């Protein structure tokens, strides 16, 4: 018998496997949480497969890290193509410009990584 054999608990007429998830308790970032919600609501079979195989958390952490890295790179590229106004002289214009660039970069990330 292997060490990965499941233990069961009697629950009425049924044997229920004793399954325990050993997931790290570090919080997920924004994109990891968005991916989890998407999988739960739109891809329940994939969500359950990842959850029961113990790979869900690792998948979500990888998506979160990849999305953050891609956002940083895309923001740099967009700033090179569309320089921001002077932050000290035109604060509101700078904020508006940066928010527009972030929304543009996030749209691609959401379509490619989160909602696919």
PDB file of N, CA and C in Angstrom:
ATOM      1  N   UNK A   1       0.842  -1.169   0.000  1.00  0.00           N
ATOM      2  CA  UNK A   1       0.000   0.000   0.000  1.00  0.00           C
ATOM      3  C   UNK A   1       0.895   1.242   0.000  1.00  0.00           C
ATOM      4  N   UNK A   2       0.591   2.216  -0.847  1.00  0.00           N
ATOM      5  CA  UNK A   2       1.429   3.412  -0.955  1.00  0.00           C
ATOM      6  C   UNK A   2       1.077   4.411   0.144  1.00  0.00           C
ATOM      7  N   UNK A   3       1.960   5.374   0.331  1.00  0.00           N
ATOM      8  CA  UNK A   3       1.738   6.384   1.365  1.00  0.00           C
ATOM      9  C   UNK A   3       0.691   7.412   0.948  1.00  0.00           C
ATOM     10  N   UNK A   4       0.252   7.377  -0.333  1.00  0.00           N
ATOM     11  CA  UNK A   4      -0.748   8.324  -0.804  1.00  0.00           C
ATOM     12  C   UNK A   4      -2.157   7.744  -0.742  1.00  0.00           C
ATOM     13  N   UNK A   5      -2.311   6.596  -0.076  1.00  0.00           N
ATOM     14  CA  UNK A   5      -3.633   5.985   0.029  1.00  0.00           C
ATOM     15  C   UNK A   5      -4.544   6.891   0.849  1.00  0.00           C
ATOM     16  N   UNK A   6      -5.765   7.052   0.390  1.00  0.00           N
ATOM     17  CA  UNK A   6      -6.722   7.910   1.079  1.00  0.00           C
ATOM     18  C   UNK A   6      -7.304   7.215   2.296  1.00  0.00           C
ATOM     19  N   UNK A   7      -7.571   7.997   3.316  1.00  0.00           N
ATOM     20  CA  UNK A   7      -8.271   7.517   4.496  1.00  0.00           C
ATOM     21  C   UNK A   7      -9.725   7.949   4.361  1.00  0.00           C
ATOM     22  N   UNK A   8     -10.649   7.151   4.882  1.00  0.00           N
ATOM     23  CA  UNK A   8     -12.073   7.434   4.749  1.00  0.00           C
ATOM     24  C   UNK A   8     -12.743   7.498   6.105  1.00  0.00           C
ATOM     25  N   UNK A   9     -13.825   8.256   6.166  1.00  0.00           N
ATOM     26  CA  UNK A   9     -14.646   8.356   7.364  1.00  0.00           C
ATOM     27  C   UNK A   9     -16.050   7.866   7.011  1.00  0.00           C
ATOM     28  N   UNK A  10     -16.619   7.043   7.878  1.00  0.00           N
ATOM     29  CA  UNK A  10     -17.969   6.555   7.663  1.00  0.00           C
ATOM     30  C   UNK A  10     -18.961   7.675   7.969  1.00  0.00           C
ATOM     31  N   UNK A  11     -19.847   7.976   7.007  1.00  0.00           N
ATOM     32  CA  UNK A  11     -20.870   8.997   7.187  1.00  0.00           C
ATOM     33  C   UNK A  11     -22.192   8.363   6.768  1.00  0.00           C
ATOM     34  N   UNK A  12     -22.891   7.801   7.723  1.00  0.00           N
ATOM     35  CA  UNK A  12     -24.113   7.065   7.406  1.00  0.00           C
ATOM     36  C   UNK A  12     -23.751   5.820   6.628  1.00  0.00           C
ATOM     37  N   UNK A  13     -24.314   5.651   5.435  1.00  0.00           N
ATOM     38  CA  UNK A  13     -24.023   4.490   4.593  1.00  0.00           C
ATOM     39  C   UNK A  13     -22.842   4.730   3.662  1.00  0.00           C
ATOM     40  N   UNK A  14     -22.224   5.891   3.734  1.00  0.00           N
ATOM     41  CA  UNK A  14     -21.193   6.265   2.760  1.00  0.00           C
ATOM     42  C   UNK A  14     -19.829   6.416   3.417  1.00  0.00           C
ATOM     43  N   UNK A  15     -18.805   6.124   2.633  1.00  0.00           N
ATOM     44  CA  UNK A  15     -17.434   6.409   3.040  1.00  0.00           C
ATOM     45  C   UNK A  15     -17.014   7.700   2.344  1.00  0.00           C
ATOM     46  N   UNK A  16     -16.633   8.679   3.128  1.00  0.00           N
ATOM     47  CA  UNK A  16     -16.241   9.981   2.599  1.00  0.00           C
ATOM     48  C   UNK A  16     -14.730  10.109   2.754  1.00  0.00           C
ATOM     49  N   UNK A  17     -14.010  10.456   1.662  1.00  0.00           N
ATOM     50  CA  UNK A  17     -12.551  10.581   1.783  1.00  0.00           C
ATOM     51  C   UNK A  17     -12.165  11.762   2.667  1.00  0.00           C
ATOM     52  N   UNK A  18     -11.126  11.561   3.454  1.00  0.00           N
ATOM     53  CA  UNK A  18     -10.580  12.629   4.295  1.00  0.00           C
ATOM     54  C   UNK A  18      -9.607  13.427   3.430  1.00  0.00           C
ATOM     55  N   UNK A  19     -10.112  14.509   2.856  1.00  0.00           N
ATOM     56  CA  UNK A  19      -9.287  15.335   1.980  1.00  0.00           C
ATOM     57  C   UNK A  19      -8.961  16.625   2.711  1.00  0.00           C
ATOM     58  N   UNK A  20      -7.691  16.957   2.713  1.00  0.00           N
ATOM     59  CA  UNK A  20      -7.246  18.187   3.363  1.00  0.00           C
ATOM     60  C   UNK A  20      -6.399  18.962   2.367  1.00  0.00           C
ATOM     61  N   UNK A  21      -6.750  20.224   2.158  1.00  0.00           N
ATOM     62  CA  UNK A  21      -5.976  21.074   1.261  1.00  0.00           C
ATOM     63  C   UNK A  21      -4.896  21.784   2.057  1.00  0.00           C
ATOM     64  N   UNK A  22      -3.675  21.596   1.645  1.00  0.00           N
ATOM     65  CA  UNK A  22      -2.556  22.278   2.295  1.00  0.00           C
ATOM     66  C   UNK A  22      -2.096  23.402   1.375  1.00  0.00           C
ATOM     67  N   UNK A  23      -2.804  24.499   1.434  1.00  0.00           N
ATOM     68  CA  UNK A  23      -2.498  25.648   0.594  1.00  0.00           C
ATOM     69  C   UNK A  23      -1.778  26.699   1.435  1.00  0.00           C
ATOM     70  N   UNK A  24      -0.809  27.375   0.833  1.00  0.00           N
ATOM     71  CA  UNK A  24      -0.186  28.487   1.563  1.00  0.00           C
ATOM     72  C   UNK A  24      -1.230  29.554   1.855  1.00  0.00           C
ATOM     73  N   UNK A  25      -1.056  30.244   2.932  1.00  0.00           N
ATOM     74  CA  UNK A  25      -2.043  31.233   3.347  1.00  0.00           C
ATOM     75  C   UNK A  25      -1.697  32.654   2.904  1.00  0.00           C
ATOM     76  N   UNK A  26      -0.717  32.801   2.011  1.00  0.00           N
ATOM     77  CA  UNK A  26      -0.408  34.141   1.524  1.00  0.00           C
ATOM     78  C   UNK A  26      -1.550  34.614   0.630  1.00  0.00           C
ATOM     79  N   UNK A  27      -1.946  35.854   0.758  1.00  0.00           N
ATOM     80  CA  UNK A  27      -3.095  36.342  -0.011  1.00  0.00           C
ATOM     81  C   UNK A  27      -2.773  36.470  -1.500  1.00  0.00           C
ATOM     82  N   UNK A  28      -3.792  36.253  -2.316  1.00  0.00           N
ATOM     83  CA  UNK A  28      -3.656  36.422  -3.756  1.00  0.00           C
ATOM     84  C   UNK A  28      -3.789  37.892  -4.107  1.00  0.00           C
ATOM     85  N   UNK A  29      -3.181  38.279  -5.202  1.00  0.00           N
ATOM     86  CA  UNK A  29      -3.311  39.640  -5.691  1.00  0.00           C
ATOM     87  C   UNK A  29      -4.599  39.807  -6.488  1.00  0.00           C
ATOM     88  N   UNK A  30      -4.763  40.983  -7.025  1.00  0.00           N
ATOM     89  CA  UNK A  30      -5.975  41.344  -7.767  1.00  0.00           C
ATOM     90  C   UNK A  30      -6.247  40.382  -8.918  1.00  0.00           C
ATOM     91  N   UNK A  31      -5.232  40.101  -9.721  1.00  0.00           N
ATOM     92  CA  UNK A  31      -5.437  39.279 -10.918  1.00  0.00           C
ATOM     93  C   UNK A  31      -5.669  37.813 -10.564  1.00  0.00           C
ATOM     94  N   UNK A  32      -5.035  37.328  -9.510  1.00  0.00           N
ATOM     95  CA  UNK A  32      -5.285  35.966  -9.053  1.00  0.00           C
ATOM     96  C   UNK A  32      -6.713  35.787  -8.578  1.00  0.00           C
ATOM     97  N   UNK A  33      -7.220  36.788  -7.844  1.00  0.00           N
ATOM     98  CA  UNK A  33      -8.609  36.729  -7.372  1.00  0.00           C
ATOM     99  C   UNK A  33      -9.587  36.818  -8.534  1.00  0.00           C
ATOM    100  N   UNK A  34      -9.263  37.657  -9.522  1.00  0.00           N
ATOM    101  CA  UNK A  34     -10.142  37.772 -10.689  1.00  0.00           C
ATOM    102  C   UNK A  34     -10.191  36.452 -11.456  1.00  0.00           C
ATOM    103  N   UNK A  35      -9.042  35.791 -11.611  1.00  0.00           N
ATOM    104  CA  UNK A  35      -8.984  34.512 -12.321  1.00  0.00           C
ATOM    105  C   UNK A  35      -9.783  33.452 -11.560  1.00  0.00           C
ATOM    106  N   UNK A  36      -9.665  33.451 -10.241  1.00  0.00           N
ATOM    107  CA  UNK A  36     -10.402  32.479  -9.426  1.00  0.00           C
ATOM    108  C   UNK A  36     -11.907  32.667  -9.608  1.00  0.00           C
ATOM    109  N   UNK A  37     -12.364  33.908  -9.557  1.00  0.00           N
ATOM    110  CA  UNK A  37     -13.788  34.199  -9.746  1.00  0.00           C
ATOM    111  C   UNK A  37     -14.249  33.768 -11.124  1.00  0.00           C
ATOM    112  N   UNK A  38     -13.447  34.061 -12.143  1.00  0.00           N
ATOM    113  CA  UNK A  38     -13.795  33.667 -13.508  1.00  0.00           C
ATOM    114  C   UNK A  38     -13.921  32.149 -13.619  1.00  0.00           C
ATOM    115  N   UNK A  39     -12.928  31.427 -13.096  1.00  0.00           N
ATOM    116  CA  UNK A  39     -12.971  29.961 -13.178  1.00  0.00           C
ATOM    117  C   UNK A  39     -14.173  29.399 -12.430  1.00  0.00           C
ATOM    118  N   UNK A  40     -14.438  29.929 -11.265  1.00  0.00           N
ATOM    119  CA  UNK A  40     -15.547  29.445 -10.439  1.00  0.00           C
ATOM    120  C   UNK A  40     -16.886  29.639 -11.140  1.00  0.00           C
ATOM    121  N   UNK A  41     -17.081  30.814 -11.766  1.00  0.00           N
ATOM    122  CA  UNK A  41     -18.367  31.143 -12.362  1.00  0.00           C
ATOM    123  C   UNK A  41     -18.537  30.625 -13.787  1.00  0.00           C
ATOM    124  N   UNK A  42     -17.448  30.580 -14.570  1.00  0.00           N
ATOM    125  CA  UNK A  42     -17.571  30.266 -15.992  1.00  0.00           C
ATOM    126  C   UNK A  42     -16.938  28.952 -16.418  1.00  0.00           C
ATOM    127  N   UNK A  43     -16.010  28.441 -15.639  1.00  0.00           N
ATOM    128  CA  UNK A  43     -15.338  27.191 -15.976  1.00  0.00           C
ATOM    129  C   UNK A  43     -15.305  26.271 -14.754  1.00  0.00           C
ATOM    130  N   UNK A  44     -16.486  25.886 -14.239  1.00  0.00           N
ATOM    131  CA  UNK A  44     -16.512  25.139 -12.972  1.00  0.00           C
ATOM    132  C   UNK A  44     -15.795  23.788 -13.028  1.00  0.00           C
ATOM    133  N   UNK A  45     -15.788  23.136 -14.175  1.00  0.00           N
ATOM    134  CA  UNK A  45     -15.110  21.835 -14.264  1.00  0.00           C
ATOM    135  C   UNK A  45     -13.603  22.023 -14.105  1.00  0.00           C
ATOM    136  N   UNK A  46     -13.039  22.997 -14.811  1.00  0.00           N
ATOM    137  CA  UNK A  46     -11.610  23.282 -14.679  1.00  0.00           C
ATOM    138  C   UNK A  46     -11.288  23.739 -13.259  1.00  0.00           C
ATOM    139  N   UNK A  47     -12.138  24.589 -12.692  1.00  0.00           N
ATOM    140  CA  UNK A  47     -11.929  25.062 -11.325  1.00  0.00           C
ATOM    141  C   UNK A  47     -11.884  23.881 -10.348  1.00  0.00           C
ATOM    142  N   UNK A  48     -12.854  22.986 -10.436  1.00  0.00           N
ATOM    143  CA  UNK A  48     -12.893  21.835  -9.530  1.00  0.00           C
ATOM    144  C   UNK A  48     -11.705  20.904  -9.752  1.00  0.00           C
ATOM    145  N   UNK A  49     -11.316  20.714 -11.003  1.00  0.00           N
ATOM    146  CA  UNK A  49     -10.155  19.861 -11.288  1.00  0.00           C
ATOM    147  C   UNK A  49      -8.895  20.447 -10.643  1.00  0.00           C
ATOM    148  N   UNK A  50      -8.673  21.753 -10.831  1.00  0.00           N
ATOM    149  CA  UNK A  50      -7.499  22.386 -10.238  1.00  0.00           C
ATOM    150  C   UNK A  50      -7.564  22.349  -8.715  1.00  0.00           C
ATOM    151  N   UNK A  51      -8.753  22.597  -8.170  1.00  0.00           N
ATOM    152  CA  UNK A  51      -8.922  22.600  -6.718  1.00  0.00           C
ATOM    153  C   UNK A  51      -8.643  21.226  -6.122  1.00  0.00           C
ATOM    154  N   UNK A  52      -9.243  20.195  -6.708  1.00  0.00           N
ATOM    155  CA  UNK A  52      -9.098  18.848  -6.151  1.00  0.00           C
ATOM    156  C   UNK A  52      -7.714  18.243  -6.385  1.00  0.00           C
ATOM    157  N   UNK A  53      -7.025  18.712  -7.425  1.00  0.00           N
ATOM    158  CA  UNK A  53      -5.677  18.202  -7.676  1.00  0.00           C
ATOM    159  C   UNK A  53      -4.631  18.976  -6.869  1.00  0.00           C
ATOM    160  N   UNK A  54      -5.057  20.044  -6.191  1.00  0.00           N
ATOM    161  CA  UNK A  54      -4.134  20.828  -5.379  1.00  0.00           C
ATOM    162  C   UNK A  54      -3.323  21.823  -6.189  1.00  0.00           C
ATOM    163  N   UNK A  55      -3.722  22.072  -7.429  1.00  0.00           N
ATOM    164  CA  UNK A  55      -2.961  22.971  -8.305  1.00  0.00           C
ATOM    165  C   UNK A  55      -3.602  24.343  -8.465  1.00  0.00           C
ATOM    166  N   UNK A  56      -4.757  24.568  -7.859  1.00  0.00           N
ATOM    167  CA  UNK A  56      -5.470  25.827  -8.045  1.00  0.00           C
ATOM    168  C   UNK A  56      -4.655  27.016  -7.541  1.00  0.00           C
ATOM    169  N   UNK A  57      -4.167  26.942  -6.326  1.00  0.00           N
ATOM    170  CA  UNK A  57      -3.439  28.069  -5.749  1.00  0.00           C
ATOM    171  C   UNK A  57      -2.197  28.396  -6.572  1.00  0.00           C
ATOM    172  N   UNK A  58      -1.447  27.357  -6.976  1.00  0.00           N
ATOM    173  CA  UNK A  58      -0.251  27.591  -7.789  1.00  0.00           C
ATOM    174  C   UNK A  58      -0.607  28.243  -9.115  1.00  0.00           C
ATOM    175  N   UNK A  59      -1.711  27.811  -9.720  1.00  0.00           N
ATOM    176  CA  UNK A  59      -2.187  28.398 -10.976  1.00  0.00           C
ATOM    177  C   UNK A  59      -2.525  29.871 -10.776  1.00  0.00           C
ATOM    178  N   UNK A  60      -3.235  30.184  -9.705  1.00  0.00           N
ATOM    179  CA  UNK A  60      -3.649  31.562  -9.442  1.00  0.00           C
ATOM    180  C   UNK A  60      -2.456  32.465  -9.148  1.00  0.00           C
ATOM    181  N   UNK A  61      -1.479  31.954  -8.410  1.00  0.00           N
ATOM    182  CA  UNK A  61      -0.272  32.729  -8.116  1.00  0.00           C
ATOM    183  C   UNK A  61       0.501  33.006  -9.400  1.00  0.00           C
ATOM    184  N   UNK A  62       0.595  32.007 -10.268  1.00  0.00           N
ATOM    185  CA  UNK A  62       1.304  32.175 -11.544  1.00  0.00           C
ATOM    186  C   UNK A  62       0.605  33.206 -12.428  1.00  0.00           C
ATOM    187  N   UNK A  63      -0.722  33.135 -12.512  1.00  0.00           N
ATOM    188  CA  UNK A  63      -1.488  34.114 -13.296  1.00  0.00           C
ATOM    189  C   UNK A  63      -1.281  35.516 -12.730  1.00  0.00           C
ATOM    190  N   UNK A  64      -1.343  35.652 -11.418  1.00  0.00           N
ATOM    191  CA  UNK A  64      -1.184  36.946 -10.769  1.00  0.00           C
ATOM    192  C   UNK A  64       0.196  37.538 -11.062  1.00  0.00           C
ATOM    193  N   UNK A  65       1.236  36.724 -10.912  1.00  0.00           N
ATOM    194  CA  UNK A  65       2.600  37.201 -11.139  1.00  0.00           C
ATOM    195  C   UNK A  65       2.813  37.574 -12.610  1.00  0.00           C
ATOM    196  N   UNK A  66       2.326  36.733 -13.508  1.00  0.00           N
ATOM    197  CA  UNK A  66       2.465  36.997 -14.938  1.00  0.00           C
ATOM    198  C   UNK A  66       1.732  38.271 -15.335  1.00  0.00           C
ATOM    199  N   UNK A  67       0.528  38.451 -14.812  1.00  0.00           N
ATOM    200  CA  UNK A  67      -0.261  39.640 -15.144  1.00  0.00           C
ATOM    201  C   UNK A  67       0.426  40.910 -14.641  1.00  0.00           C
ATOM    202  N   UNK A  68       0.963  40.870 -13.433  1.00  0.00           N
ATOM    203  CA  UNK A  68       1.654  42.048 -12.894  1.00  0.00           C
ATOM    204  C   UNK A  68       2.893  42.382 -13.719  1.00  0.00           C
ATOM    205  N   UNK A  69       3.663  41.358 -14.072  1.00  0.00           N
ATOM    206  CA  UNK A  69       4.861  41.584 -14.888  1.00  0.00           C
ATOM    207  C   UNK A  69       4.492  42.168 -16.248  1.00  0.00           C
ATOM    208  N   UNK A  70       3.472  41.597 -16.857  1.00  0.00           N
ATOM    209  CA  UNK A  70       3.052  42.076 -18.174  1.00  0.00           C
ATOM    210  C   UNK A  70       2.517  43.510 -18.096  1.00  0.00           C
ATOM    211  N   UNK A  71       1.791  43.831 -17.025  1.00  0.00           N
ATOM    212  CA  UNK A  71       1.280  45.192 -16.845  1.00  0.00           C
ATOM    213  C   UNK A  71       2.438  46.188 -16.737  1.00  0.00           C
ATOM    214  N   UNK A  72       3.451  45.839 -15.955  1.00  0.00           N
ATOM    215  CA  UNK A  72       4.608  46.726 -15.814  1.00  0.00           C
ATOM    216  C   UNK A  72       5.295  46.961 -17.159  1.00  0.00           C
ATOM    217  N   UNK A  73       5.506  45.886 -17.917  1.00  0.00           N
ATOM    218  CA  UNK A  73       6.164  46.017 -19.222  1.00  0.00           C
ATOM    219  C   UNK A  73       5.321  46.837 -20.192  1.00  0.00           C
ATOM    220  N   UNK A  74       4.024  46.579 -20.222  1.00  0.00           N
ATOM    221  CA  UNK A  74       3.163  47.312 -21.142  1.00  0.00           C
ATOM    222  C   UNK A  74       3.051  48.780 -20.754  1.00  0.00           C
ATOM    223  N   UNK A  75       3.036  49.076 -19.477  1.00  0.00           N
ATOM    224  CA  UNK A  75       2.985  50.476 -19.043  1.00  0.00           C
ATOM    225  C   UNK A  75       4.253  51.217 -19.488  1.00  0.00           C
ATOM    226  N   UNK A  76       5.401  50.563 -19.365  1.00  0.00           N
ATOM    227  CA  UNK A  76       6.650  51.177 -19.818  1.00  0.00           C
ATOM    228  C   UNK A  76       6.602  51.463 -21.316  1.00  0.00           C
ATOM    229  N   UNK A  77       6.138  50.483 -22.100  1.00  0.00           N
ATOM    230  CA  UNK A  77       6.054  50.655 -23.553  1.00  0.00           C
ATOM    231  C   UNK A  77       5.068  51.763 -23.917  1.00  0.00           C
ATOM    232  N   UNK A  78       3.913  51.765 -23.259  1.00  0.00           N
ATOM    233  CA  UNK A  78       2.917  52.792 -23.557  1.00  0.00           C
ATOM    234  C   UNK A  78       3.408  54.188 -23.177  1.00  0.00           C
ATOM    235  N   UNK A  79       4.175  54.284 -22.089  1.00  0.00           N
ATOM    236  CA  UNK A  79       4.716  55.586 -21.695  1.00  0.00           C
ATOM    237  C   UNK A  79       5.768  56.079 -22.688  1.00  0.00           C
ATOM    238  N   UNK A  80       6.512  55.144 -23.275  1.00  0.00           N
ATOM    239  CA  UNK A  80       7.481  55.539 -24.300  1.00  0.00           C
ATOM    240  C   UNK A  80       6.753  56.075 -25.537  1.00  0.00           C
ATOM    241  N   UNK A  81       5.648  55.413 -25.905  1.00  0.00           N
ATOM    242  CA  UNK A  81       4.889  55.821 -27.087  1.00  0.00           C
ATOM    243  C   UNK A  81       4.073  57.090 -26.834  1.00  0.00           C
ATOM    244  N   UNK A  82       3.542  57.225 -25.622  1.00  0.00           N
ATOM    245  CA  UNK A  82       2.690  58.363 -25.256  1.00  0.00           C
ATOM    246  C   UNK A  82       3.193  58.975 -23.954  1.00  0.00           C
ATOM    247  N   UNK A  83       4.179  59.860 -24.012  1.00  0.00           N
ATOM    248  CA  UNK A  83       4.719  60.439 -22.776  1.00  0.00           C
ATOM    249  C   UNK A  83       3.647  61.175 -21.972  1.00  0.00           C
ATOM    250  N   UNK A  84       3.772  61.069 -20.672  1.00  0.00           N
ATOM    251  CA  UNK A  84       2.807  61.709 -19.773  1.00  0.00           C
ATOM    252  C   UNK A  84       3.141  63.192 -19.619  1.00  0.00           C
ATOM    253  N   UNK A  85       2.126  64.005 -19.336  1.00  0.00           N
ATOM    254  CA  UNK A  85       2.397  65.426 -19.063  1.00  0.00           C
ATOM    255  C   UNK A  85       3.183  65.582 -17.766  1.00  0.00           C
ATOM    256  N   UNK A  86       3.728  66.751 -17.552  1.00  0.00           N
ATOM    257  CA  UNK A  86       4.514  67.028 -16.349  1.00  0.00           C
ATOM    258  C   UNK A  86       3.632  66.866 -15.108  1.00  0.00           C
ATOM    259  N   UNK A  87       4.079  65.981 -14.227  1.00  0.00           N
ATOM    260  CA  UNK A  87       3.269  65.666 -13.038  1.00  0.00           C
ATOM    261  C   UNK A  87       3.140  66.863 -12.094  1.00  0.00           C
ATOM    262  N   UNK A  88       4.200  67.624 -11.945  1.00  0.00           N
ATOM    263  CA  UNK A  88       4.173  68.759 -11.007  1.00  0.00           C
ATOM    264  C   UNK A  88       3.286  69.894 -11.522  1.00  0.00           C
ATOM    265  N   UNK A  89       3.319  70.124 -12.811  1.00  0.00           N
ATOM    266  CA  UNK A  89       2.578  71.259 -13.376  1.00  0.00           C
ATOM    267  C   UNK A  89       1.118  70.911 -13.660  1.00  0.00           C
ATOM    268  N   UNK A  90       0.869  69.681 -14.105  1.00  0.00           N
ATOM    269  CA  UNK A  90      -0.496  69.285 -14.501  1.00  0.00           C
ATOM    270  C   UNK A  90      -0.872  67.971 -13.828  1.00  0.00           C
ATOM    271  N   UNK A  91      -1.137  68.022 -12.549  1.00  0.00           N
ATOM    272  CA  UNK A  91      -1.386  66.797 -11.787  1.00  0.00           C
ATOM    273  C   UNK A  91      -2.599  66.020 -12.289  1.00  0.00           C
ATOM    274  N   UNK A  92      -3.704  66.706 -12.515  1.00  0.00           N
ATOM    275  CA  UNK A  92      -4.925  66.017 -12.954  1.00  0.00           C
ATOM    276  C   UNK A  92      -4.754  65.419 -14.350  1.00  0.00           C
ATOM    277  N   UNK A  93      -4.089  66.133 -15.229  1.00  0.00           N
ATOM    278  CA  UNK A  93      -3.846  65.616 -16.580  1.00  0.00           C
ATOM    279  C   UNK A  93      -2.940  64.402 -16.518  1.00  0.00           C
ATOM    280  N   UNK A  94      -1.946  64.427 -15.608  1.00  0.00           N
ATOM    281  CA  UNK A  94      -1.046  63.297 -15.457  1.00  0.00           C
ATOM    282  C   UNK A  94      -1.814  62.068 -14.952  1.00  0.00           C
ATOM    283  N   UNK A  95      -2.649  62.258 -13.943  1.00  0.00           N
ATOM    284  CA  UNK A  95      -3.443  61.148 -13.388  1.00  0.00           C
ATOM    285  C   UNK A  95      -4.365  60.578 -14.461  1.00  0.00           C
ATOM    286  N   UNK A  96      -5.014  61.448 -15.200  1.00  0.00           N
ATOM    287  CA  UNK A  96      -5.919  61.021 -16.264  1.00  0.00           C
ATOM    288  C   UNK A  96      -5.165  60.208 -17.318  1.00  0.00           C
ATOM    289  N   UNK A  97      -3.998  60.701 -17.696  1.00  0.00           N
ATOM    290  CA  UNK A  97      -3.186  60.028 -18.712  1.00  0.00           C
ATOM    291  C   UNK A  97      -2.746  58.638 -18.229  1.00  0.00           C
ATOM    292  N   UNK A  98      -2.267  58.579 -16.994  1.00  0.00           N
ATOM    293  CA  UNK A  98      -1.790  57.302 -16.442  1.00  0.00           C
ATOM    294  C   UNK A  98      -2.940  56.304 -16.286  1.00  0.00           C
ATOM    295  N   UNK A  99      -4.096  56.757 -15.856  1.00  0.00           N
ATOM    296  CA  UNK A  99      -5.255  55.872 -15.732  1.00  0.00           C
ATOM    297  C   UNK A  99      -5.677  55.329 -17.094  1.00  0.00           C
ATOM    298  N   UNK A 100      -5.637  56.179 -18.116  1.00  0.00           N
ATOM    299  CA  UNK A 100      -6.003  55.728 -19.460  1.00  0.00           C
ATOM    300  C   UNK A 100      -5.020  54.678 -19.960  1.00  0.00           C
ATOM    301  N   UNK A 101      -3.726  54.882 -19.713  1.00  0.00           N
ATOM    302  CA  UNK A 101      -2.722  53.897 -20.134  1.00  0.00           C
ATOM    303  C   UNK A 101      -2.894  52.579 -19.380  1.00  0.00           C
ATOM    304  N   UNK A 102      -3.180  52.684 -18.081  1.00  0.00           N
ATOM    305  CA  UNK A 102      -3.351  51.460 -17.280  1.00  0.00           C
ATOM    306  C   UNK A 102      -4.575  50.680 -17.750  1.00  0.00           C
ATOM    307  N   UNK A 103      -5.646  51.385 -18.056  1.00  0.00           N
ATOM    308  CA  UNK A 103      -6.850  50.701 -18.543  1.00  0.00           C
ATOM    309  C   UNK A 103      -6.568  50.006 -19.876  1.00  0.00           C
ATOM    310  N   UNK A 104      -5.805  50.647 -20.733  1.00  0.00           N
ATOM    311  CA  UNK A 104      -5.459  50.065 -22.023  1.00  0.00           C
ATOM    312  C   UNK A 104      -4.604  48.810 -21.840  1.00  0.00           C
ATOM    313  N   UNK A 105      -3.637  48.877 -20.956  1.00  0.00           N
ATOM    314  CA  UNK A 105      -2.774  47.727 -20.702  1.00  0.00           C
ATOM    315  C   UNK A 105      -3.555  46.597 -20.026  1.00  0.00           C
ATOM    316  N   UNK A 106      -4.415  46.941 -19.069  1.00  0.00           N
ATOM    317  CA  UNK A 106      -5.187  45.917 -18.359  1.00  0.00           C
ATOM    318  C   UNK A 106      -6.176  45.202 -19.267  1.00  0.00           C
ATOM    319  N   UNK A 107      -6.734  45.905 -20.239  1.00  0.00           N
ATOM    320  CA  UNK A 107      -7.704  45.283 -21.131  1.00  0.00           C
ATOM    321  C   UNK A 107      -7.092  44.086 -21.850  1.00  0.00           C
ATOM    322  N   UNK A 108      -5.882  44.250 -22.338  1.00  0.00           N
ATOM    323  CA  UNK A 108      -5.199  43.146 -23.020  1.00  0.00           C
ATOM    324  C   UNK A 108      -4.892  42.014 -22.044  1.00  0.00           C
ATOM    325  N   UNK A 109      -4.453  42.361 -20.849  1.00  0.00           N
ATOM    326  CA  UNK A 109      -4.109  41.339 -19.848  1.00  0.00           C
ATOM    327  C   UNK A 109      -5.348  40.543 -19.444  1.00  0.00           C
ATOM    328  N   UNK A 110      -6.454  41.231 -19.233  1.00  0.00           N
ATOM    329  CA  UNK A 110      -7.678  40.538 -18.831  1.00  0.00           C
ATOM    330  C   UNK A 110      -8.133  39.569 -19.916  1.00  0.00           C
ATOM    331  N   UNK A 111      -8.073  39.991 -21.160  1.00  0.00           N
ATOM    332  CA  UNK A 111      -8.511  39.124 -22.259  1.00  0.00           C
ATOM    333  C   UNK A 111      -7.573  37.941 -22.465  1.00  0.00           C
ATOM    334  N   UNK A 112      -6.275  38.148 -22.304  1.00  0.00           N
ATOM    335  CA  UNK A 112      -5.298  37.086 -22.577  1.00  0.00           C
ATOM    336  C   UNK A 112      -5.114  36.117 -21.418  1.00  0.00           C
ATOM    337  N   UNK A 113      -5.082  36.632 -20.187  1.00  0.00           N
ATOM    338  CA  UNK A 113      -4.737  35.784 -19.039  1.00  0.00           C
ATOM    339  C   UNK A 113      -5.922  35.426 -18.156  1.00  0.00           C
ATOM    340  N   UNK A 114      -6.770  36.368 -17.872  1.00  0.00           N
ATOM    341  CA  UNK A 114      -7.808  36.134 -16.870  1.00  0.00           C
ATOM    342  C   UNK A 114      -9.014  35.435 -17.482  1.00  0.00           C
ATOM    343  N   UNK A 115      -9.517  35.952 -18.593  1.00  0.00           N
ATOM    344  CA  UNK A 115     -10.757  35.448 -19.175  1.00  0.00           C
ATOM    345  C   UNK A 115     -10.518  34.517 -20.354  1.00  0.00           C
ATOM    346  N   UNK A 116      -9.570  33.623 -20.226  1.00  0.00           N
ATOM    347  CA  UNK A 116      -9.317  32.671 -21.312  1.00  0.00           C
ATOM    348  C   UNK A 116      -9.241  31.261 -20.772  1.00  0.00           C
TER     349      UNK A 116
END
